[in-house]
Amino acid sequence: MDMGVMFMLPELHALSCGLKALSSDDATEGVETCRLACGGHGYLCSSNFPRIYGGTTCIMTYEGENTVMWLQVARYISMI
């Protein structure tokens, strides 16, 4: 790897952590909003929301739990 690009790795790491945490939080919140807007029908298996919700909430722990991701972003910001 080119040493001239190495100085950008902390910023890239903070950006990827922040984007992962933000996108998975927003996706989970969006699915939950849609599910609740459907009332009792949002809990039916035929609505497909339970499967979508289950898959979306798992994203929050893949490749690092979101709390840890937000803490890594905060650590980078505090170092600036």
Foldseek 3Di string as FASTA:
>chain_A
DDPVCVVCVLVVLLVVLVVLLVVLVVQLVVLVVVLVVVPPVSPDVVVVSVVSNVVSVVSCPPPHHSVVSVVSNVVSVVVD
